[in-house]
Amino acid sequence: MPKLVDHEERRAHIIDALLRSAASSGLHAVTMRSVAVEAGVSVRLVQYYFDTKEQLLLAAMTRLATRMGERVQRRARESGAAGDPRGIIETVLLEAVPTDEESRAFHLIYTEYAVLSVTDPGLGGQPFLAAPNEMEAFLAAQLTAAQQAGDAAPGLDPRQEAVVLLAVSAGLGLSVLLKQRTAEEATAVLHYHLGRILPGRG
């Protein structure tokens, strides 16, 4: 009796091969052939599951975004931040700092994809590229909750501060990727800024 093929498992295997290749060589260097080599399968098999490179990239980015969302949720649970606006904000922002291989790969690949999408119409308009807008609204809501709890600085504008926080965290994450500063230094800057706008009840 022939062995049944688990198509979802095989798709995931190919997607993971792309992510490994992109993390080591850069997304711009990834081809269907390089993914096939990394996955240990034929180019024809890669093309069976993904008609184009754009389809493969989209599947990979969607998988990567899901993983990072799971990381944030797990980190919030483990730190006891659930239900605490400041803790939630800190947990979300710290994920923007590449502190291990998985988060480094995420930020490297996501940043490169975003840049490529500016000049490649086939890569633009994807749901995960709108994630910063969704995160902005989420952080603004958490900052509003912190205000109501008396943990935020007086006169704080939640929407404007959410924009600033995302810009700061994204810039710090990029500076770590570029080795301008260490993850520890970037984390210290985030804590410093959060301490200014969310001093607590004293």
Protein backbone atom coordinates (compact mmCIF):
# COMPACT_ATOMS: atom_id res chain seq x y z
CA MET A 1 0.00 0.00 0.00
CA PRO A 2 1.52 3.36 -1.00
CA LYS A 3 2.41 5.78 1.78
CA LEU A 4 -0.08 8.62 2.18
CA VAL A 5 1.40 12.07 1.65
CA ASP A 6 0.75 14.72 4.30
CA HIS A 7 0.49 17.75 2.03
CA GLU A 8 0.31 20.29 4.85
CA GLU A 9 3.44 18.84 6.41
CA ARG A 10 5.23 18.95 3.07
CA ARG A 11 4.16 22.56 2.46
CA ALA A 12 5.40 23.51 5.92
CA HIS A 13 8.71 21.75 5.23
CA ILE A 14 9.19 23.82 2.07
CA ILE A 15 8.18 27.06 3.79
CA ASP A 16 10.61 26.42 6.64
CA ALA A 17 13.35 25.82 4.08
CA LEU A 18 12.67 29.24 2.59
CA LEU A 19 12.82 30.87 6.02
CA ARG A 20 16.15 29.22 6.81
CA SER A 21 17.55 30.24 3.45
CA ALA A 22 16.31 33.82 3.79
CA ALA A 23 17.66 34.12 7.33
CA SER A 24 21.15 33.12 6.20
CA SER A 25 21.38 34.61 2.69
CA GLY A 26 18.72 37.30 2.58
CA LEU A 27 15.27 37.24 1.04
CA HIS A 28 16.53 38.83 -2.17
CA ALA A 29 18.79 35.82 -2.81
CA VAL A 30 16.04 33.22 -2.41
CA THR A 31 14.94 31.34 -5.52
CA MET A 32 12.70 28.33 -6.09
CA ARG A 33 15.84 26.31 -6.76
CA SER A 34 17.63 27.44 -3.58
CA VAL A 35 14.54 26.57 -1.54
CA ALA A 36 14.38 23.15 -3.17
CA VAL A 37 18.05 22.52 -2.33
CA GLU A 38 17.53 23.64 1.29
CA ALA A 39 14.44 21.44 1.60
CA GLY A 40 16.11 18.46 -0.06
CA VAL A 41 13.39 18.15 -2.69
CA SER A 42 13.06 18.81 -6.42
CA VAL A 43 12.22 22.18 -7.91
CA ARG A 44 9.23 20.49 -9.52
CA LEU A 45 7.88 19.55 -6.09
CA VAL A 46 8.27 23.12 -4.81
CA GLN A 47 6.37 24.33 -7.88
CA TYR A 48 3.67 21.72 -7.28
CA TYR A 49 2.78 23.42 -4.00
CA PHE A 50 3.63 27.00 -4.98
CA ASP A 51 3.10 28.16 -8.55
CA THR A 52 5.25 31.26 -8.13
CA LYS A 53 7.94 32.62 -5.89
CA GLU A 54 5.48 35.30 -4.77
CA GLN A 55 3.06 32.62 -3.53
CA LEU A 56 5.86 30.94 -1.60
CA LEU A 57 6.99 34.24 -0.07
CA LEU A 58 3.43 35.07 0.98
CA ALA A 59 3.00 31.67 2.64
CA ALA A 60 6.33 32.07 4.41
CA MET A 61 5.54 35.55 5.71
CA THR A 62 2.12 34.45 6.92
CA ARG A 63 3.70 31.53 8.77
CA LEU A 64 6.36 33.82 10.26
CA ALA A 65 3.78 36.37 11.44
CA THR A 66 1.76 33.59 13.10
CA ARG A 67 4.82 32.32 14.93
CA MET A 68 5.70 35.77 16.24
CA GLY A 69 2.13 36.32 17.39
CA GLU A 70 2.38 33.07 19.34
CA ARG A 71 5.69 34.24 20.84
CA VAL A 72 4.10 37.46 22.11
CA GLN A 73 1.19 35.56 23.67
CA ARG A 74 3.52 33.02 25.28
CA ARG A 75 5.80 35.75 26.59
CA ALA A 76 2.83 37.61 28.09
CA ARG A 77 1.63 34.47 29.86
CA GLU A 78 5.06 33.56 31.19
CA SER A 79 5.75 37.08 32.47
CA GLY A 80 2.34 37.40 34.08
CA ALA A 81 1.60 40.46 31.96
CA ALA A 82 -1.87 39.33 30.91
CA GLY A 83 -4.42 41.85 32.19
CA ASP A 84 -1.74 44.44 33.01
CA PRO A 85 -1.63 47.21 30.35
CA ARG A 86 1.95 48.23 31.06
CA GLY A 87 3.12 44.63 31.08
CA ILE A 88 1.34 43.92 27.81
CA ILE A 89 2.85 47.03 26.16
CA GLU A 90 6.32 46.08 27.35
CA THR A 91 5.93 42.51 26.14
CA VAL A 92 4.81 43.60 22.67
CA LEU A 93 7.57 46.16 22.25
CA LEU A 94 10.33 43.87 23.45
CA GLU A 95 9.45 41.45 20.67
CA ALA A 96 10.67 44.14 18.26
CA VAL A 97 14.19 43.60 19.61
CA PRO A 98 15.98 40.61 18.02
CA THR A 99 17.14 38.70 21.09
CA ASP A 100 17.50 35.18 19.64
CA GLU A 101 17.79 33.45 16.27
CA GLU A 102 14.03 33.15 15.77
CA SER A 103 13.28 36.83 16.43
CA ARG A 104 16.36 37.89 14.44
CA ALA A 105 15.13 35.88 11.46
CA PHE A 106 11.64 37.35 11.78
CA HIS A 107 12.79 40.96 11.82
CA LEU A 108 15.39 40.46 9.11
CA ILE A 109 12.97 38.74 6.73
CA TYR A 110 10.01 41.00 7.51
CA THR A 111 12.08 44.15 7.00
CA GLU A 112 13.48 42.91 3.71
CA TYR A 113 10.04 41.84 2.49
CA ALA A 114 8.58 45.25 3.37
CA VAL A 115 11.34 47.01 1.44
CA LEU A 116 10.96 44.71 -1.58
CA SER A 117 7.18 45.28 -1.60
CA VAL A 118 7.74 49.00 -2.21
CA THR A 119 9.07 48.33 -5.71
CA ASP A 120 7.46 44.96 -6.48
CA PRO A 121 3.67 45.24 -7.00
CA GLY A 122 3.33 41.47 -6.68
CA LEU A 123 4.50 41.61 -3.06
CA GLY A 124 2.50 44.58 -1.84
CA GLY A 125 -0.96 44.79 -0.33
CA GLN A 126 -0.59 41.75 1.94
CA PRO A 127 -2.47 41.59 5.27
CA PHE A 128 0.64 41.18 7.42
CA LEU A 129 2.09 44.42 6.01
CA ALA A 130 -0.81 46.20 7.75
CA ALA A 131 0.22 44.72 11.11
CA PRO A 132 1.85 47.98 12.31
CA ASN A 133 -1.49 49.79 11.87
CA GLU A 134 -3.27 47.11 13.89
CA MET A 135 -0.54 47.19 16.53
CA GLU A 136 -0.84 50.98 16.74
CA ALA A 137 -4.53 50.70 17.58
CA PHE A 138 -3.82 47.90 20.07
CA LEU A 139 -1.11 49.87 21.89
CA ALA A 140 -3.31 52.98 21.97
CA ALA A 141 -6.04 50.93 23.67
CA GLN A 142 -3.56 49.58 26.22
CA LEU A 143 -2.24 53.08 26.94
CA THR A 144 -5.81 54.28 27.46
CA ALA A 145 -6.34 51.44 29.94
CA ALA A 146 -3.12 52.44 31.72
CA GLN A 147 -4.44 56.00 31.96
CA GLN A 148 -7.66 54.79 33.50
CA ALA A 149 -5.67 52.74 36.01
CA GLY A 150 -3.58 55.78 36.96
CA ASP A 151 -0.35 54.31 35.60
CA ALA A 152 0.25 56.74 32.72
CA ALA A 153 1.91 60.14 32.75
CA PRO A 154 -0.52 63.12 32.95
CA GLY A 155 -1.68 64.50 29.60
CA LEU A 156 -0.52 61.48 27.66
CA ASP A 157 -2.09 61.14 24.20
CA PRO A 158 -2.53 57.37 23.69
CA ARG A 159 -2.67 57.47 19.89
CA GLN A 160 0.38 59.68 19.48
CA GLU A 161 2.37 57.73 22.05
CA ALA A 162 1.49 54.46 20.30
CA VAL A 163 2.96 55.87 17.09
CA VAL A 164 6.13 56.94 18.92
CA LEU A 165 6.51 53.61 20.71
CA LEU A 166 6.25 51.63 17.48
CA ALA A 167 8.73 53.93 15.74
CA VAL A 168 11.18 53.67 18.64
CA SER A 169 10.90 49.88 18.91
CA ALA A 170 11.23 49.39 15.14
CA GLY A 171 14.28 51.67 15.01
CA LEU A 172 15.89 49.89 17.94
CA GLY A 173 15.23 46.51 16.35
CA LEU A 174 16.90 47.65 13.13
CA SER A 175 19.87 49.04 15.04
CA VAL A 176 20.37 45.62 16.65
CA LEU A 177 20.23 43.91 13.25
CA LEU A 178 22.85 46.39 11.99
CA LYS A 179 24.97 45.76 15.12
CA GLN A 180 24.87 49.42 16.10
CA ARG A 181 23.91 48.34 19.60
CA THR A 182 23.29 45.14 21.49
CA ALA A 183 19.88 43.67 22.29
CA GLU A 184 20.55 44.49 25.95
CA GLU A 185 21.23 48.15 25.13
CA ALA A 186 18.09 48.38 22.99
CA THR A 187 16.02 46.78 25.75
CA ALA A 188 17.39 49.29 28.27
CA VAL A 189 16.32 52.18 26.00
CA LEU A 190 12.79 50.76 25.73
CA HIS A 191 12.54 50.37 29.49
CA TYR A 192 13.78 53.94 29.95
CA HIS A 193 11.15 55.36 27.61
CA LEU A 194 8.36 53.26 29.06
CA GLY A 195 9.34 54.45 32.54
CA ARG A 196 8.81 58.04 31.41
CA ILE A 197 5.32 57.60 29.98
CA LEU A 198 4.14 54.82 32.31
CA PRO A 199 5.62 55.70 35.72
CA GLY A 200 2.90 53.84 37.61
CA ARG A 201 1.07 55.05 40.66
CA GLY A 202 4.26 55.83 42.55
